[in-house]
Amino acid sequence: MPVEARYYEKLPDSKVQCHLCPNECVIGSNDLGECGIRLNDHGKLLATTFGVCSAIKLDPIEKKPLFHFHPGSYVLSIGNIGCNFHCNFCQNAEMSQITIDKYAIDAYHSPEQLIEICLNESPSLGIAYTYNEPTVWYEYMEKVALKSREAGFKNVMVSNGYINEGPLMELIPLINAFNIDLKAFSCSFYKGNCKGKLEPVKHTLKTINAYGRHLEISFLLIPGKNDSMKEFISMVKWIRDELGPDTVLHISRYFPAYKSQIGKTPAALLFDFCETARKYLSYVYLGNVTSGEDQNTFCSKCGKMVISRYGNFVQKNGIDEFGNCMHCNHKIVTY
């Protein structure tokens, strides 16, 4: 169900300019923006996928991944289509890299219907906006998040962080936890592989952190692309200095996908990067790989194991109801 988009201005010759993300697309009449779903309808910008859910599923919160936000809980995950990046290694291209003109819409879900699903999916913590890039679904996400908060649920956004400050500032009060994908620490990587820019993502991370929202970061390690150890050390130092040493970092294994046929990330490389990151950050985890203790949480103050994880099984051995270490009272988890 198309609705008028927010954050755009009208230009001469029936063109419009979208101000939702740093792409700042100038869109001709009857054309789509870079995201593939925002349409210029004769000088009026439409969000064409309002209420279109390409996926609805109850997931463990750890799958987002969020390890320090209500660990062991479940969240209703919803996705749309489209993305404001065009990563040639996209791990979810069937949803992210499709445009509205090539997508067969199944059904419409109103925000109220989603809340009803959430109520029936016990014990759902709330709603996660995930799978594709939720920024391009801004109008719907905002409406659902408001309804979700009013119903007493939490909201989670899993994003590439490529959003302008104005829209982000409106979302922050509605979103309880963010996982932001920091794809590399190189402007040339973002330009050449994602058709985007690094600096706006760094600004998003700093803004979320400054407003005290729960924040975790994901980094997909791709052999030969973003595996410079020197660059990676610069990244984790920046996270430590700008966001804090207790910022959670997830290092995930890449698999060949979409336009990239590079072989999967060697396990040894993942462990090497994980070990390096732990010299600078307190909480570093490995994703998409069976790694034993690399999924467990150890208190950064006293060193005791407080959360153990095996697959989807989560045991909170040493965390109290306030998210503090039961051994030394250090704050670890957001509840």
C-alpha atoms as a PDB file:
ATOM      1  CA  MET A   1       0.000   0.000   0.000  1.00  0.00           C
ATOM      2  CA  PRO A   2       1.888   3.128  -1.142  1.00  0.00           C
ATOM      3  CA  VAL A   3       1.896   6.131   1.182  1.00  0.00           C
ATOM      4  CA  GLU A   4       3.549   9.509   0.760  1.00  0.00           C
ATOM      5  CA  ALA A   5       7.144   9.315   1.872  1.00  0.00           C
ATOM      6  CA  ARG A   6       8.696  11.545   4.485  1.00  0.00           C
ATOM      7  CA  TYR A   7      11.922  13.508   4.125  1.00  0.00           C
ATOM      8  CA  TYR A   8      11.859  14.708   0.546  1.00  0.00           C
ATOM      9  CA  GLU A   9      11.543  17.945  -1.392  1.00  0.00           C
ATOM     10  CA  LYS A  10      10.016  18.749  -4.753  1.00  0.00           C
ATOM     11  CA  LEU A  11      12.274  19.970  -7.555  1.00  0.00           C
ATOM     12  CA  PRO A  12      11.574  21.455 -10.994  1.00  0.00           C
ATOM     13  CA  ASP A  13      10.434  19.211 -13.852  1.00  0.00           C
ATOM     14  CA  SER A  14       8.520  16.899 -11.501  1.00  0.00           C
ATOM     15  CA  LYS A  15      11.736  15.672  -9.938  1.00  0.00           C
ATOM     16  CA  VAL A  16      12.109  15.064  -6.195  1.00  0.00           C
ATOM     17  CA  GLN A  17      15.059  14.710  -3.859  1.00  0.00           C
ATOM     18  CA  CYS A  18      14.902  12.182  -1.049  1.00  0.00           C
ATOM     19  CA  HIS A  19      16.574  13.204   2.218  1.00  0.00           C
ATOM     20  CA  LEU A  20      16.077   9.960   4.135  1.00  0.00           C
ATOM     21  CA  CYS A  21      19.623   8.670   3.739  1.00  0.00           C
ATOM     22  CA  PRO A  22      23.022   9.997   2.615  1.00  0.00           C
ATOM     23  CA  ASN A  23      22.368   8.859  -0.963  1.00  0.00           C
ATOM     24  CA  GLU A  24      20.263  12.037  -1.303  1.00  0.00           C
ATOM     25  CA  CYS A  25      18.707  10.603  -4.472  1.00  0.00           C
ATOM     26  CA  VAL A  26      17.381  13.006  -7.102  1.00  0.00           C
ATOM     27  CA  ILE A  27      14.589  10.990  -8.696  1.00  0.00           C
ATOM     28  CA  GLY A  28      12.912  11.675 -12.012  1.00  0.00           C
ATOM     29  CA  SER A  29       9.194  11.217 -12.549  1.00  0.00           C
ATOM     30  CA  ASN A  30       8.167   7.544 -12.491  1.00  0.00           C
ATOM     31  CA  ASP A  31      11.659   6.502 -11.396  1.00  0.00           C
ATOM     32  CA  LEU A  32      12.842   4.696  -8.264  1.00  0.00           C
ATOM     33  CA  GLY A  33      15.508   5.801  -5.800  1.00  0.00           C
ATOM     34  CA  GLU A  34      18.647   3.760  -5.151  1.00  0.00           C
ATOM     35  CA  CYS A  35      16.743   1.731  -2.568  1.00  0.00           C
ATOM     36  CA  GLY A  36      14.452   0.361  -5.264  1.00  0.00           C
ATOM     37  CA  ILE A  37      11.203   1.017  -3.386  1.00  0.00           C
ATOM     38  CA  ARG A  38      10.761   4.808  -3.140  1.00  0.00           C
ATOM     39  CA  LEU A  39       8.942   5.981  -6.286  1.00  0.00           C
ATOM     40  CA  ASN A  40       8.520   9.442  -7.747  1.00  0.00           C
ATOM     41  CA  ASP A  41       4.876   9.513  -8.772  1.00  0.00           C
ATOM     42  CA  HIS A  42       4.744  12.664 -10.921  1.00  0.00           C
ATOM     43  CA  GLY A  43       6.440  14.871  -8.336  1.00  0.00           C
ATOM     44  CA  LYS A  44       5.216  13.053  -5.215  1.00  0.00           C
ATOM     45  CA  LEU A  45       7.558  10.598  -3.498  1.00  0.00           C
ATOM     46  CA  LEU A  46       5.851   7.377  -2.473  1.00  0.00           C
ATOM     47  CA  ALA A  47       6.974   4.731   0.010  1.00  0.00           C
ATOM     48  CA  THR A  48       5.620   1.849  -2.049  1.00  0.00           C
ATOM     49  CA  THR A  49       6.071  -0.983   0.451  1.00  0.00           C
ATOM     50  CA  PHE A  50       4.199   0.335   3.477  1.00  0.00           C
ATOM     51  CA  GLY A  51       2.803  -2.775   5.208  1.00  0.00           C
ATOM     52  CA  VAL A  52       4.505  -5.245   2.845  1.00  0.00           C
ATOM     53  CA  CYS A  53       6.215  -7.898   4.970  1.00  0.00           C
ATOM     54  CA  SER A  54       8.466 -10.234   3.022  1.00  0.00           C
ATOM     55  CA  ALA A  55       9.198 -12.201   6.198  1.00  0.00           C
ATOM     56  CA  ILE A  56       7.631 -12.545   9.655  1.00  0.00           C
ATOM     57  CA  LYS A  57       9.294 -14.915  12.090  1.00  0.00           C
ATOM     58  CA  LEU A  58       9.851 -15.378  15.813  1.00  0.00           C
ATOM     59  CA  ASP A  59      13.626 -15.428  16.359  1.00  0.00           C
ATOM     60  CA  PRO A  60      15.982 -15.691  19.336  1.00  0.00           C
ATOM     61  CA  ILE A  61      17.293 -12.198  20.096  1.00  0.00           C
ATOM     62  CA  GLU A  62      20.807 -13.645  19.698  1.00  0.00           C
ATOM     63  CA  LYS A  63      20.136 -14.129  15.968  1.00  0.00           C
ATOM     64  CA  LYS A  64      19.973 -10.381  15.318  1.00  0.00           C
ATOM     65  CA  PRO A  65      22.703 -10.608  16.715  1.00  0.00           C
ATOM     66  CA  LEU A  66      22.156  -8.987  20.124  1.00  0.00           C
ATOM     67  CA  PHE A  67      23.932 -10.760  22.979  1.00  0.00           C
ATOM     68  CA  HIS A  68      23.654  -8.135  25.732  1.00  0.00           C
ATOM     69  CA  PHE A  69      20.007  -7.107  25.252  1.00  0.00           C
ATOM     70  CA  HIS A  70      17.492  -9.349  27.054  1.00  0.00           C
ATOM     71  CA  PRO A  71      19.593 -12.509  26.412  1.00  0.00           C
ATOM     72  CA  GLY A  72      17.600 -15.701  25.971  1.00  0.00           C
ATOM     73  CA  SER A  73      14.462 -13.871  24.821  1.00  0.00           C
ATOM     74  CA  TYR A  74      12.586 -14.070  21.511  1.00  0.00           C
ATOM     75  CA  VAL A  75      11.593 -11.254  19.192  1.00  0.00           C
ATOM     76  CA  LEU A  76       9.134 -11.069  16.285  1.00  0.00           C
ATOM     77  CA  SER A  77      11.352 -10.320  13.293  1.00  0.00           C
ATOM     78  CA  ILE A  78       9.883  -8.599  10.244  1.00  0.00           C
ATOM     79  CA  GLY A  79      11.430  -7.697   6.920  1.00  0.00           C
ATOM     80  CA  ASN A  80      10.569  -5.798   3.774  1.00  0.00           C
ATOM     81  CA  ILE A  81      12.510  -5.484   0.492  1.00  0.00           C
ATOM     82  CA  GLY A  82      15.138  -3.094  -0.786  1.00  0.00           C
ATOM     83  CA  CYS A  83      18.307  -1.491   0.529  1.00  0.00           C
ATOM     84  CA  ASN A  84      20.130   1.810   0.170  1.00  0.00           C
ATOM     85  CA  PHE A  85      23.404  -0.112  -0.287  1.00  0.00           C
ATOM     86  CA  HIS A  86      24.305  -2.411  -3.168  1.00  0.00           C
ATOM     87  CA  CYS A  87      26.838  -4.726  -1.566  1.00  0.00           C
ATOM     88  CA  ASN A  88      28.213  -7.179  -4.117  1.00  0.00           C
ATOM     89  CA  PHE A  89      28.593  -9.728  -1.287  1.00  0.00           C
ATOM     90  CA  CYS A  90      25.056  -9.266   0.114  1.00  0.00           C
ATOM     91  CA  GLN A  91      24.164 -12.229   2.336  1.00  0.00           C
ATOM     92  CA  ASN A  92      20.415 -11.622   1.933  1.00  0.00           C
ATOM     93  CA  ALA A  93      20.122 -10.424  -1.665  1.00  0.00           C
ATOM     94  CA  GLU A  94      16.791 -12.132  -2.343  1.00  0.00           C
ATOM     95  CA  MET A  95      15.182  -9.518  -0.099  1.00  0.00           C
ATOM     96  CA  SER A  96      17.630  -6.628  -0.056  1.00  0.00           C
ATOM     97  CA  GLN A  97      18.537  -6.379  -3.732  1.00  0.00           C
ATOM     98  CA  ILE A  98      15.081  -6.677  -5.270  1.00  0.00           C
ATOM     99  CA  THR A  99      13.072  -3.662  -6.433  1.00  0.00           C
ATOM    100  CA  ILE A 100       9.358  -3.066  -6.013  1.00  0.00           C
ATOM    101  CA  ASP A 101       8.664  -3.462  -9.748  1.00  0.00           C
ATOM    102  CA  LYS A 102      10.022  -7.028  -9.576  1.00  0.00           C
ATOM    103  CA  TYR A 103       8.418  -8.109  -6.310  1.00  0.00           C
ATOM    104  CA  ALA A 104       5.073  -9.926  -6.122  1.00  0.00           C
ATOM    105  CA  ILE A 105       3.275  -8.489  -3.089  1.00  0.00           C
ATOM    106  CA  ASP A 106       1.602 -11.226  -1.067  1.00  0.00           C
ATOM    107  CA  ALA A 107      -0.381  -9.462   1.628  1.00  0.00           C
ATOM    108  CA  TYR A 108      -0.661  -6.233   3.571  1.00  0.00           C
ATOM    109  CA  HIS A 109      -0.132  -6.104   7.343  1.00  0.00           C
ATOM    110  CA  SER A 110      -1.323  -3.046   9.202  1.00  0.00           C
ATOM    111  CA  PRO A 111       0.680  -1.946  12.260  1.00  0.00           C
ATOM    112  CA  GLU A 112      -2.234  -3.104  14.421  1.00  0.00           C
ATOM    113  CA  GLN A 113      -2.165  -6.564  12.830  1.00  0.00           C
ATOM    114  CA  LEU A 114       1.536  -6.872  13.591  1.00  0.00           C
ATOM    115  CA  ILE A 115       0.973  -5.976  17.218  1.00  0.00           C
ATOM    116  CA  GLU A 116      -1.731  -8.636  17.365  1.00  0.00           C
ATOM    117  CA  ILE A 117       0.718 -11.197  15.951  1.00  0.00           C
ATOM    118  CA  CYS A 118       3.262 -10.090  18.509  1.00  0.00           C
ATOM    119  CA  LEU A 119       0.746 -10.556  21.318  1.00  0.00           C
ATOM    120  CA  ASN A 120      -0.034 -14.059  20.107  1.00  0.00           C
ATOM    121  CA  GLU A 121       3.610 -15.060  19.623  1.00  0.00           C
ATOM    122  CA  SER A 122       4.310 -15.632  23.299  1.00  0.00           C
ATOM    123  CA  PRO A 123       6.810 -14.966  24.724  1.00  0.00           C
ATOM    124  CA  SER A 124       7.795 -12.230  22.254  1.00  0.00           C
ATOM    125  CA  LEU A 125       9.917  -9.408  23.656  1.00  0.00           C
ATOM    126  CA  GLY A 126       8.806  -7.119  20.854  1.00  0.00           C
ATOM    127  CA  ILE A 127       9.560  -6.445  17.201  1.00  0.00           C
ATOM    128  CA  ALA A 128      12.840  -6.471  15.275  1.00  0.00           C
ATOM    129  CA  TYR A 129      13.134  -4.617  11.968  1.00  0.00           C
ATOM    130  CA  THR A 130      15.639  -6.764  10.119  1.00  0.00           C
ATOM    131  CA  TYR A 131      16.455  -9.055   7.146  1.00  0.00           C
ATOM    132  CA  ASN A 132      16.680  -6.221   4.602  1.00  0.00           C
ATOM    133  CA  GLU A 133      17.621  -2.596   5.388  1.00  0.00           C
ATOM    134  CA  PRO A 134      14.788  -1.188   7.554  1.00  0.00           C
ATOM    135  CA  THR A 135      15.733   2.449   6.877  1.00  0.00           C
ATOM    136  CA  VAL A 136      14.113   2.254   3.430  1.00  0.00           C
ATOM    137  CA  TRP A 137      10.914   1.089   5.183  1.00  0.00           C
ATOM    138  CA  TYR A 138      11.037   4.145   7.419  1.00  0.00           C
ATOM    139  CA  GLU A 139       7.369   5.209   7.411  1.00  0.00           C
ATOM    140  CA  TYR A 140       6.104   1.751   8.291  1.00  0.00           C
ATOM    141  CA  MET A 141       8.821   1.046  10.843  1.00  0.00           C
ATOM    142  CA  GLU A 142       8.036   4.302  12.619  1.00  0.00           C
ATOM    143  CA  LYS A 143       4.300   3.551  12.781  1.00  0.00           C
ATOM    144  CA  VAL A 144       4.815  -0.030  13.982  1.00  0.00           C
ATOM    145  CA  ALA A 145       7.451   0.989  16.530  1.00  0.00           C
ATOM    146  CA  LEU A 146       5.111   3.580  18.013  1.00  0.00           C
ATOM    147  CA  LYS A 147       2.287   1.029  18.307  1.00  0.00           C
ATOM    148  CA  SER A 148       4.694  -1.543  19.703  1.00  0.00           C
ATOM    149  CA  ARG A 149       5.956   0.823  22.385  1.00  0.00           C
ATOM    150  CA  GLU A 150       2.390   1.770  23.337  1.00  0.00           C
ATOM    151  CA  ALA A 151       1.618  -1.950  23.774  1.00  0.00           C
ATOM    152  CA  GLY A 152       4.596  -2.355  26.113  1.00  0.00           C
ATOM    153  CA  PHE A 153       6.907  -4.124  23.666  1.00  0.00           C
ATOM    154  CA  LYS A 154      10.538  -3.424  22.791  1.00  0.00           C
ATOM    155  CA  ASN A 155      11.794  -2.386  19.350  1.00  0.00           C
ATOM    156  CA  VAL A 156      15.032  -3.540  17.727  1.00  0.00           C
ATOM    157  CA  MET A 157      16.616  -2.186  14.538  1.00  0.00           C
ATOM    158  CA  VAL A 158      19.212  -4.186  12.589  1.00  0.00           C
ATOM    159  CA  SER A 159      20.717  -1.773  10.097  1.00  0.00           C
ATOM    160  CA  ASN A 160      23.661  -0.702   7.969  1.00  0.00           C
ATOM    161  CA  GLY A 161      23.505   2.658   9.750  1.00  0.00           C
ATOM    162  CA  TYR A 162      23.126   4.594   6.489  1.00  0.00           C
ATOM    163  CA  ILE A 163      20.527   7.130   7.541  1.00  0.00           C
ATOM    164  CA  ASN A 164      20.496  10.901   7.803  1.00  0.00           C
ATOM    165  CA  GLU A 165      20.556  12.509  11.229  1.00  0.00           C
ATOM    166  CA  GLY A 166      17.023  13.971  11.117  1.00  0.00           C
ATOM    167  CA  PRO A 167      15.228  10.654  10.522  1.00  0.00           C
ATOM    168  CA  LEU A 168      17.555   8.898  12.966  1.00  0.00           C
ATOM    169  CA  MET A 169      16.775  11.383  15.728  1.00  0.00           C
ATOM    170  CA  GLU A 170      13.062  10.674  15.318  1.00  0.00           C
ATOM    171  CA  LEU A 171      13.662   6.922  15.521  1.00  0.00           C
ATOM    172  CA  ILE A 172      15.976   6.845  18.521  1.00  0.00           C
ATOM    173  CA  PRO A 173      13.218   7.419  21.128  1.00  0.00           C
ATOM    174  CA  LEU A 174      11.268   4.497  19.625  1.00  0.00           C
ATOM    175  CA  ILE A 175      14.082   1.948  19.235  1.00  0.00           C
ATOM    176  CA  ASN A 176      15.424   0.196  22.334  1.00  0.00           C
ATOM    177  CA  ALA A 177      18.365  -1.599  20.765  1.00  0.00           C
ATOM    178  CA  PHE A 178      20.404  -1.300  17.578  1.00  0.00           C
ATOM    179  CA  ASN A 179      22.742  -3.666  15.802  1.00  0.00           C
ATOM    180  CA  ILE A 180      24.685  -1.675  13.225  1.00  0.00           C
ATOM    181  CA  ASP A 181      26.722  -3.353  10.505  1.00  0.00           C
ATOM    182  CA  LEU A 182      30.154  -1.745  10.228  1.00  0.00           C
ATOM    183  CA  LYS A 183      31.283  -3.308   6.963  1.00  0.00           C
ATOM    184  CA  ALA A 184      34.874  -2.057   6.956  1.00  0.00           C
ATOM    185  CA  PHE A 185      36.932   0.878   8.122  1.00  0.00           C
ATOM    186  CA  SER A 186      37.805   2.097   4.644  1.00  0.00           C
ATOM    187  CA  CYS A 187      36.081   4.729   2.518  1.00  0.00           C
ATOM    188  CA  SER A 188      37.242   2.944  -0.625  1.00  0.00           C
ATOM    189  CA  PHE A 189      35.649  -0.328   0.556  1.00  0.00           C
ATOM    190  CA  TYR A 190      32.283   1.353   1.077  1.00  0.00           C
ATOM    191  CA  LYS A 191      32.466   3.125  -2.281  1.00  0.00           C
ATOM    192  CA  GLY A 192      33.674   0.141  -4.300  1.00  0.00           C
ATOM    193  CA  ASN A 193      31.693  -2.661  -2.663  1.00  0.00           C
ATOM    194  CA  CYS A 194      28.565  -1.035  -1.212  1.00  0.00           C
ATOM    195  CA  LYS A 195      28.070   2.106  -3.333  1.00  0.00           C
ATOM    196  CA  GLY A 196      28.019   4.099  -0.115  1.00  0.00           C
ATOM    197  CA  LYS A 197      30.166   6.053   2.335  1.00  0.00           C
ATOM    198  CA  LEU A 198      31.766   5.201   5.667  1.00  0.00           C
ATOM    199  CA  GLU A 199      31.526   8.533   7.485  1.00  0.00           C
ATOM    200  CA  PRO A 200      27.698   8.608   7.779  1.00  0.00           C
ATOM    201  CA  VAL A 201      27.794   5.136   9.370  1.00  0.00           C
ATOM    202  CA  LYS A 202      30.353   6.307  11.931  1.00  0.00           C
ATOM    203  CA  HIS A 203      28.144   9.323  12.662  1.00  0.00           C
ATOM    204  CA  THR A 204      25.126   7.048  13.186  1.00  0.00           C
ATOM    205  CA  LEU A 205      27.089   4.898  15.641  1.00  0.00           C
ATOM    206  CA  LYS A 206      28.240   7.926  17.623  1.00  0.00           C
ATOM    207  CA  THR A 207      24.720   9.410  17.662  1.00  0.00           C
ATOM    208  CA  ILE A 208      23.079   6.224  18.947  1.00  0.00           C
ATOM    209  CA  ASN A 209      25.764   5.873  21.587  1.00  0.00           C
ATOM    210  CA  ALA A 210      25.480   9.505  22.667  1.00  0.00           C
ATOM    211  CA  TYR A 211      21.762   9.039  23.350  1.00  0.00           C
ATOM    212  CA  GLY A 212      22.358   5.993  25.513  1.00  0.00           C
ATOM    213  CA  ARG A 213      20.558   3.434  23.377  1.00  0.00           C
ATOM    214  CA  HIS A 214      21.734  -0.160  23.507  1.00  0.00           C
ATOM    215  CA  LEU A 215      24.226  -0.657  20.675  1.00  0.00           C
ATOM    216  CA  GLU A 216      26.019  -3.672  19.266  1.00  0.00           C
ATOM    217  CA  ILE A 217      28.106  -3.823  16.088  1.00  0.00           C
ATOM    218  CA  SER A 218      28.459  -6.516  13.433  1.00  0.00           C
ATOM    219  CA  PHE A 219      31.468  -6.946  11.159  1.00  0.00           C
ATOM    220  CA  LEU A 220      31.370  -9.445   8.277  1.00  0.00           C
ATOM    221  CA  LEU A 221      34.941 -10.609   7.638  1.00  0.00           C
ATOM    222  CA  ILE A 222      35.518 -11.143   3.895  1.00  0.00           C
ATOM    223  CA  PRO A 223      38.817 -12.651   2.740  1.00  0.00           C
ATOM    224  CA  GLY A 224      40.771 -10.312   0.508  1.00  0.00           C
ATOM    225  CA  LYS A 225      38.257  -7.480   0.950  1.00  0.00           C
ATOM    226  CA  ASN A 226      38.244  -6.165   4.520  1.00  0.00           C
ATOM    227  CA  ASP A 227      40.806  -8.467   6.144  1.00  0.00           C
ATOM    228  CA  SER A 228      43.623  -5.949   6.562  1.00  0.00           C
ATOM    229  CA  MET A 229      44.704  -6.384  10.181  1.00  0.00           C
ATOM    230  CA  LYS A 230      46.074  -2.841  10.277  1.00  0.00           C
ATOM    231  CA  GLU A 231      42.726  -1.431   9.164  1.00  0.00           C
ATOM    232  CA  PHE A 232      40.844  -3.705  11.573  1.00  0.00           C
ATOM    233  CA  ILE A 233      42.957  -2.546  14.514  1.00  0.00           C
ATOM    234  CA  SER A 234      42.149   1.064  13.553  1.00  0.00           C
ATOM    235  CA  MET A 235      38.457   0.106  13.587  1.00  0.00           C
ATOM    236  CA  VAL A 236      38.427  -1.554  17.002  1.00  0.00           C
ATOM    237  CA  LYS A 237      40.499   1.292  18.467  1.00  0.00           C
ATOM    238  CA  TRP A 238      37.941   3.752  17.098  1.00  0.00           C
ATOM    239  CA  ILE A 239      35.103   1.716  18.641  1.00  0.00           C
ATOM    240  CA  ARG A 240      36.932   1.663  21.989  1.00  0.00           C
ATOM    241  CA  ASP A 241      37.746   5.383  21.961  1.00  0.00           C
ATOM    242  CA  GLU A 242      34.499   6.744  20.506  1.00  0.00           C
ATOM    243  CA  LEU A 243      31.888   4.272  21.774  1.00  0.00           C
ATOM    244  CA  GLY A 244      33.526   2.645  24.780  1.00  0.00           C
ATOM    245  CA  PRO A 245      35.507  -0.563  25.470  1.00  0.00           C
ATOM    246  CA  ASP A 246      32.368  -2.450  26.575  1.00  0.00           C
ATOM    247  CA  THR A 247      30.751  -1.990  23.139  1.00  0.00           C
ATOM    248  CA  VAL A 248      29.777  -5.434  21.844  1.00  0.00           C
ATOM    249  CA  LEU A 249      31.372  -6.517  18.556  1.00  0.00           C
ATOM    250  CA  HIS A 250      30.218  -9.515  16.502  1.00  0.00           C
ATOM    251  CA  ILE A 251      32.683 -10.820  13.912  1.00  0.00           C
ATOM    252  CA  SER A 252      30.770 -12.947  11.408  1.00  0.00           C
ATOM    253  CA  ARG A 253      31.852 -15.501   8.852  1.00  0.00           C
ATOM    254  CA  TYR A 254      31.203 -14.602   5.220  1.00  0.00           C
ATOM    255  CA  PHE A 255      29.869 -17.125   2.715  1.00  0.00           C
ATOM    256  CA  PRO A 256      29.791 -16.741  -1.090  1.00  0.00           C
ATOM    257  CA  ALA A 257      26.585 -14.942  -2.036  1.00  0.00           C
ATOM    258  CA  TYR A 258      24.975 -12.671  -4.615  1.00  0.00           C
ATOM    259  CA  LYS A 259      27.727 -11.389  -6.967  1.00  0.00           C
ATOM    260  CA  SER A 260      30.673 -12.542  -4.857  1.00  0.00           C
ATOM    261  CA  GLN A 261      32.260 -15.960  -5.304  1.00  0.00           C
ATOM    262  CA  ILE A 262      35.130 -15.441  -2.863  1.00  0.00           C
ATOM    263  CA  GLY A 263      35.543 -18.540  -0.693  1.00  0.00           C
ATOM    264  CA  LYS A 264      34.101 -18.561   2.828  1.00  0.00           C
ATOM    265  CA  THR A 265      36.106 -16.982   5.623  1.00  0.00           C
ATOM    266  CA  PRO A 266      38.681 -19.441   7.015  1.00  0.00           C
ATOM    267  CA  ALA A 267      38.044 -20.277  10.665  1.00  0.00           C
ATOM    268  CA  ALA A 268      41.654 -19.469  11.541  1.00  0.00           C
ATOM    269  CA  LEU A 269      41.234 -15.923  10.213  1.00  0.00           C
ATOM    270  CA  LEU A 270      38.095 -15.424  12.309  1.00  0.00           C
ATOM    271  CA  PHE A 271      39.840 -16.591  15.472  1.00  0.00           C
ATOM    272  CA  ASP A 272      42.822 -14.361  14.720  1.00  0.00           C
ATOM    273  CA  PHE A 273      40.618 -11.290  14.301  1.00  0.00           C
ATOM    274  CA  CYS A 274      38.627 -12.192  17.406  1.00  0.00           C
ATOM    275  CA  GLU A 275      41.783 -12.525  19.500  1.00  0.00           C
ATOM    276  CA  THR A 276      43.054  -9.185  18.199  1.00  0.00           C
ATOM    277  CA  ALA A 277      39.770  -7.388  18.875  1.00  0.00           C
ATOM    278  CA  ARG A 278      39.776  -8.631  22.479  1.00  0.00           C
ATOM    279  CA  LYS A 279      42.953  -6.667  23.111  1.00  0.00           C
ATOM    280  CA  TYR A 280      40.887  -3.507  22.744  1.00  0.00           C
ATOM    281  CA  LEU A 281      37.249  -4.455  23.431  1.00  0.00           C
ATOM    282  CA  SER A 282      35.704  -6.331  26.358  1.00  0.00           C
ATOM    283  CA  TYR A 283      33.017  -8.255  24.495  1.00  0.00           C
ATOM    284  CA  VAL A 284      33.806  -9.847  21.134  1.00  0.00           C
ATOM    285  CA  TYR A 285      31.866 -12.774  19.660  1.00  0.00           C
ATOM    286  CA  LEU A 286      32.118 -14.935  16.550  1.00  0.00           C
ATOM    287  CA  GLY A 287      29.117 -15.538  14.299  1.00  0.00           C
ATOM    288  CA  ASN A 288      28.295 -18.169  11.649  1.00  0.00           C
ATOM    289  CA  VAL A 289      30.877 -20.527  13.128  1.00  0.00           C
ATOM    290  CA  THR A 290      30.867 -23.105  15.924  1.00  0.00           C
ATOM    291  CA  SER A 291      33.374 -21.604  18.284  1.00  0.00           C
ATOM    292  CA  GLY A 292      32.793 -22.893  21.822  1.00  0.00           C
ATOM    293  CA  GLU A 293      33.617 -20.208  24.351  1.00  0.00           C
ATOM    294  CA  ASP A 294      33.602 -17.506  21.669  1.00  0.00           C
ATOM    295  CA  GLN A 295      29.819 -17.368  22.187  1.00  0.00           C
ATOM    296  CA  ASN A 296      29.955 -17.062  25.972  1.00  0.00           C
ATOM    297  CA  THR A 297      29.995 -13.855  27.985  1.00  0.00           C
ATOM    298  CA  PHE A 298      32.684 -13.193  30.589  1.00  0.00           C
ATOM    299  CA  CYS A 299      32.440 -10.171  32.873  1.00  0.00           C
ATOM    300  CA  SER A 300      34.923  -7.515  31.757  1.00  0.00           C
ATOM    301  CA  LYS A 301      35.607  -6.563  35.381  1.00  0.00           C
ATOM    302  CA  CYS A 302      36.019  -9.831  37.294  1.00  0.00           C
ATOM    303  CA  GLY A 303      36.454 -12.300  34.407  1.00  0.00           C
ATOM    304  CA  LYS A 304      33.742 -14.728  35.550  1.00  0.00           C
ATOM    305  CA  MET A 305      31.567 -16.424  32.930  1.00  0.00           C
ATOM    306  CA  VAL A 306      28.060 -15.006  33.355  1.00  0.00           C
ATOM    307  CA  ILE A 307      26.227 -16.210  30.216  1.00  0.00           C
ATOM    308  CA  SER A 308      26.793 -19.480  28.360  1.00  0.00           C
ATOM    309  CA  ARG A 309      25.463 -20.110  24.858  1.00  0.00           C
ATOM    310  CA  TYR A 310      25.193 -23.232  22.777  1.00  0.00           C
ATOM    311  CA  GLY A 311      23.178 -22.790  19.584  1.00  0.00           C
ATOM    312  CA  ASN A 312      19.889 -21.248  20.658  1.00  0.00           C
ATOM    313  CA  PHE A 313      20.302 -22.432  24.255  1.00  0.00           C
ATOM    314  CA  VAL A 314      21.210 -19.563  26.566  1.00  0.00           C
ATOM    315  CA  GLN A 315      21.944 -19.974  30.254  1.00  0.00           C
ATOM    316  CA  LYS A 316      22.316 -16.820  32.359  1.00  0.00           C
ATOM    317  CA  ASN A 317      24.473 -18.222  35.138  1.00  0.00           C
ATOM    318  CA  GLY A 318      25.833 -15.019  36.604  1.00  0.00           C
ATOM    319  CA  ILE A 319      23.522 -12.136  35.617  1.00  0.00           C
ATOM    320  CA  ASP A 320      21.018 -10.667  38.053  1.00  0.00           C
ATOM    321  CA  GLU A 321      17.606  -9.246  37.151  1.00  0.00           C
ATOM    322  CA  PHE A 322      19.142  -5.807  36.597  1.00  0.00           C
ATOM    323  CA  GLY A 323      21.728  -7.033  34.098  1.00  0.00           C
ATOM    324  CA  ASN A 324      24.638  -6.875  36.538  1.00  0.00           C
ATOM    325  CA  CYS A 325      27.335  -9.454  37.192  1.00  0.00           C
ATOM    326  CA  MET A 326      26.341 -11.461  40.264  1.00  0.00           C
ATOM    327  CA  HIS A 327      29.994 -11.736  41.287  1.00  0.00           C
ATOM    328  CA  CYS A 328      31.079  -8.072  41.193  1.00  0.00           C
ATOM    329  CA  ASN A 329      27.927  -6.072  40.319  1.00  0.00           C
ATOM    330  CA  HIS A 330      29.410  -4.764  37.029  1.00  0.00           C
ATOM    331  CA  LYS A 331      26.752  -3.738  34.474  1.00  0.00           C
ATOM    332  CA  ILE A 332      26.791  -6.096  31.474  1.00  0.00           C
ATOM    333  CA  VAL A 333      23.281  -6.611  30.068  1.00  0.00           C
ATOM    334  CA  THR A 334      20.455  -4.212  29.151  1.00  0.00           C
ATOM    335  CA  TYR A 335      17.022  -5.156  30.495  1.00  0.00           C
END
